Amino acid sequence: MIGKLIELRSGGTLDLSVSTLYSILYRMEERGWVKGRWVEKAGARRRRFYQLTANGRTALIRERQDWQDFIGVMTDLAGLDHA
């Protein structure tokens, strides 16, 4: 489900498998960036829900800045102007 959502929101550019997504989530949980919990409902499969932690918010801010820096450098190297 989430893999399809990512694919749709990226216009088909990103197509991540469920195993890839869970590997990422497990690593994020080990680092303390997200916290997972199992939810069980009668007549339905149990599901795992994840919530961003305070450490995860800090990491997200840092990662966003790193990504913006990377895009800036690549834009400069390619000789592109911002629209």
C-alpha atoms as a PDB file:
ATOM      1  CA  MET A   1       0.000   0.000   0.000  1.00  0.00           C
ATOM      2  CA  ILE A   2       2.632   2.573   1.024  1.00  0.00           C
ATOM      3  CA  GLY A   3       4.825   1.494  -1.905  1.00  0.00           C
ATOM      4  CA  LYS A   4       1.981   2.312  -4.301  1.00  0.00           C
ATOM      5  CA  LEU A   5       1.396   5.658  -2.577  1.00  0.00           C
ATOM      6  CA  ILE A   6       5.061   6.591  -3.044  1.00  0.00           C
ATOM      7  CA  GLU A   7       4.899   5.486  -6.671  1.00  0.00           C
ATOM      8  CA  LEU A   8       1.768   7.575  -7.303  1.00  0.00           C
ATOM      9  CA  ARG A   9       3.070  10.675  -5.508  1.00  0.00           C
ATOM     10  CA  SER A  10       6.362  10.490  -7.423  1.00  0.00           C
ATOM     11  CA  GLY A  11       4.617  10.180 -10.774  1.00  0.00           C
ATOM     12  CA  GLY A  12       5.968   6.649 -11.162  1.00  0.00           C
ATOM     13  CA  THR A  13       9.585   7.721 -10.707  1.00  0.00           C
ATOM     14  CA  LEU A  14      10.025   5.859  -7.400  1.00  0.00           C
ATOM     15  CA  ASP A  15       8.888   2.255  -7.155  1.00  0.00           C
ATOM     16  CA  LEU A  16       9.953   0.782  -3.809  1.00  0.00           C
ATOM     17  CA  SER A  17       9.214  -2.780  -2.801  1.00  0.00           C
ATOM     18  CA  VAL A  18       7.666  -3.592   0.556  1.00  0.00           C
ATOM     19  CA  SER A  19      10.871  -5.327   1.660  1.00  0.00           C
ATOM     20  CA  THR A  20      12.883  -2.180   0.868  1.00  0.00           C
ATOM     21  CA  LEU A  21      10.477   0.002   2.833  1.00  0.00           C
ATOM     22  CA  TYR A  22      10.523  -2.294   5.862  1.00  0.00           C
ATOM     23  CA  SER A  23      14.332  -2.454   5.800  1.00  0.00           C
ATOM     24  CA  ILE A  24      14.400   1.337   5.917  1.00  0.00           C
ATOM     25  CA  LEU A  25      11.835   1.471   8.725  1.00  0.00           C
ATOM     26  CA  TYR A  26      13.714  -1.145  10.779  1.00  0.00           C
ATOM     27  CA  ARG A  27      16.974   0.841  10.454  1.00  0.00           C
ATOM     28  CA  MET A  28      15.174   4.038  11.409  1.00  0.00           C
ATOM     29  CA  GLU A  29      13.706   2.268  14.446  1.00  0.00           C
ATOM     30  CA  GLU A  30      17.146   0.961  15.485  1.00  0.00           C
ATOM     31  CA  ARG A  31      18.486   4.531  15.292  1.00  0.00           C
ATOM     32  CA  GLY A  32      15.613   5.783  17.442  1.00  0.00           C
ATOM     33  CA  TRP A  33      14.144   7.945  14.664  1.00  0.00           C
ATOM     34  CA  VAL A  34      10.763   6.176  14.654  1.00  0.00           C
ATOM     35  CA  LYS A  35       8.882   4.042  17.133  1.00  0.00           C
ATOM     36  CA  GLY A  36       6.772   1.162  15.885  1.00  0.00           C
ATOM     37  CA  ARG A  37       3.810  -0.501  17.527  1.00  0.00           C
ATOM     38  CA  TRP A  38       1.595  -3.399  16.546  1.00  0.00           C
ATOM     39  CA  VAL A  39      -2.159  -2.871  16.348  1.00  0.00           C
ATOM     40  CA  GLU A  40      -4.532  -5.808  16.225  1.00  0.00           C
ATOM     41  CA  LYS A  41      -8.200  -5.637  15.316  1.00  0.00           C
ATOM     42  CA  ALA A  42     -10.685  -8.488  15.336  1.00  0.00           C
ATOM     43  CA  GLY A  43     -11.065 -10.034  11.910  1.00  0.00           C
ATOM     44  CA  ALA A  44      -8.131  -8.112  10.428  1.00  0.00           C
ATOM     45  CA  ARG A  45      -4.408  -8.688  10.053  1.00  0.00           C
ATOM     46  CA  ARG A  46      -2.263  -7.023  12.641  1.00  0.00           C
ATOM     47  CA  ARG A  47      -0.531  -3.896  11.401  1.00  0.00           C
ATOM     48  CA  ARG A  48       2.545  -2.017  12.444  1.00  0.00           C
ATOM     49  CA  PHE A  49       2.279   1.733  12.833  1.00  0.00           C
ATOM     50  CA  TYR A  50       5.290   4.024  13.062  1.00  0.00           C
ATOM     51  CA  GLN A  51       5.610   7.419  14.700  1.00  0.00           C
ATOM     52  CA  LEU A  52       8.438   9.911  14.337  1.00  0.00           C
ATOM     53  CA  THR A  53      10.352  10.449  17.606  1.00  0.00           C
ATOM     54  CA  ALA A  54      12.035  13.616  18.878  1.00  0.00           C
ATOM     55  CA  ASN A  55      15.370  12.205  17.666  1.00  0.00           C
ATOM     56  CA  GLY A  56      13.692  11.481  14.349  1.00  0.00           C
ATOM     57  CA  ARG A  57      12.542  15.092  14.013  1.00  0.00           C
ATOM     58  CA  THR A  58      16.087  16.292  14.656  1.00  0.00           C
ATOM     59  CA  ALA A  59      17.450  13.821  12.097  1.00  0.00           C
ATOM     60  CA  LEU A  60      14.794  14.895   9.587  1.00  0.00           C
ATOM     61  CA  ILE A  61      15.813  18.547   9.886  1.00  0.00           C
ATOM     62  CA  ARG A  62      19.469  17.587   9.400  1.00  0.00           C
ATOM     63  CA  GLU A  63      18.716  15.270   6.453  1.00  0.00           C
ATOM     64  CA  ARG A  64      16.556  17.888   4.735  1.00  0.00           C
ATOM     65  CA  GLN A  65      19.360  20.430   5.032  1.00  0.00           C
ATOM     66  CA  ASP A  66      21.905  17.941   3.692  1.00  0.00           C
ATOM     67  CA  TRP A  67      19.591  17.173   0.764  1.00  0.00           C
ATOM     68  CA  GLN A  68      19.086  20.888   0.006  1.00  0.00           C
ATOM     69  CA  ASP A  69      22.861  21.407   0.106  1.00  0.00           C
ATOM     70  CA  PHE A  70      23.344  18.462  -2.269  1.00  0.00           C
ATOM     71  CA  ILE A  71      20.720  19.784  -4.702  1.00  0.00           C
ATOM     72  CA  GLY A  72      22.368  23.216  -4.604  1.00  0.00           C
ATOM     73  CA  VAL A  73      25.788  21.798  -5.431  1.00  0.00           C
ATOM     74  CA  MET A  74      24.408  19.625  -8.239  1.00  0.00           C
ATOM     75  CA  THR A  75      22.459  22.580  -9.652  1.00  0.00           C
ATOM     76  CA  ASP A  76      25.623  24.705  -9.638  1.00  0.00           C
ATOM     77  CA  LEU A  77      27.688  21.926 -11.228  1.00  0.00           C
ATOM     78  CA  ALA A  78      25.105  21.424 -13.954  1.00  0.00           C
ATOM     79  CA  GLY A  79      24.929  25.158 -14.619  1.00  0.00           C
ATOM     80  CA  LEU A  80      21.197  25.281 -13.973  1.00  0.00           C
ATOM     81  CA  ASP A  81      19.284  28.289 -12.673  1.00  0.00           C
ATOM     82  CA  HIS A  82      16.512  28.040 -10.126  1.00  0.00           C
ATOM     83  CA  ALA A  83      13.097  28.641 -11.675  1.00  0.00           C
END
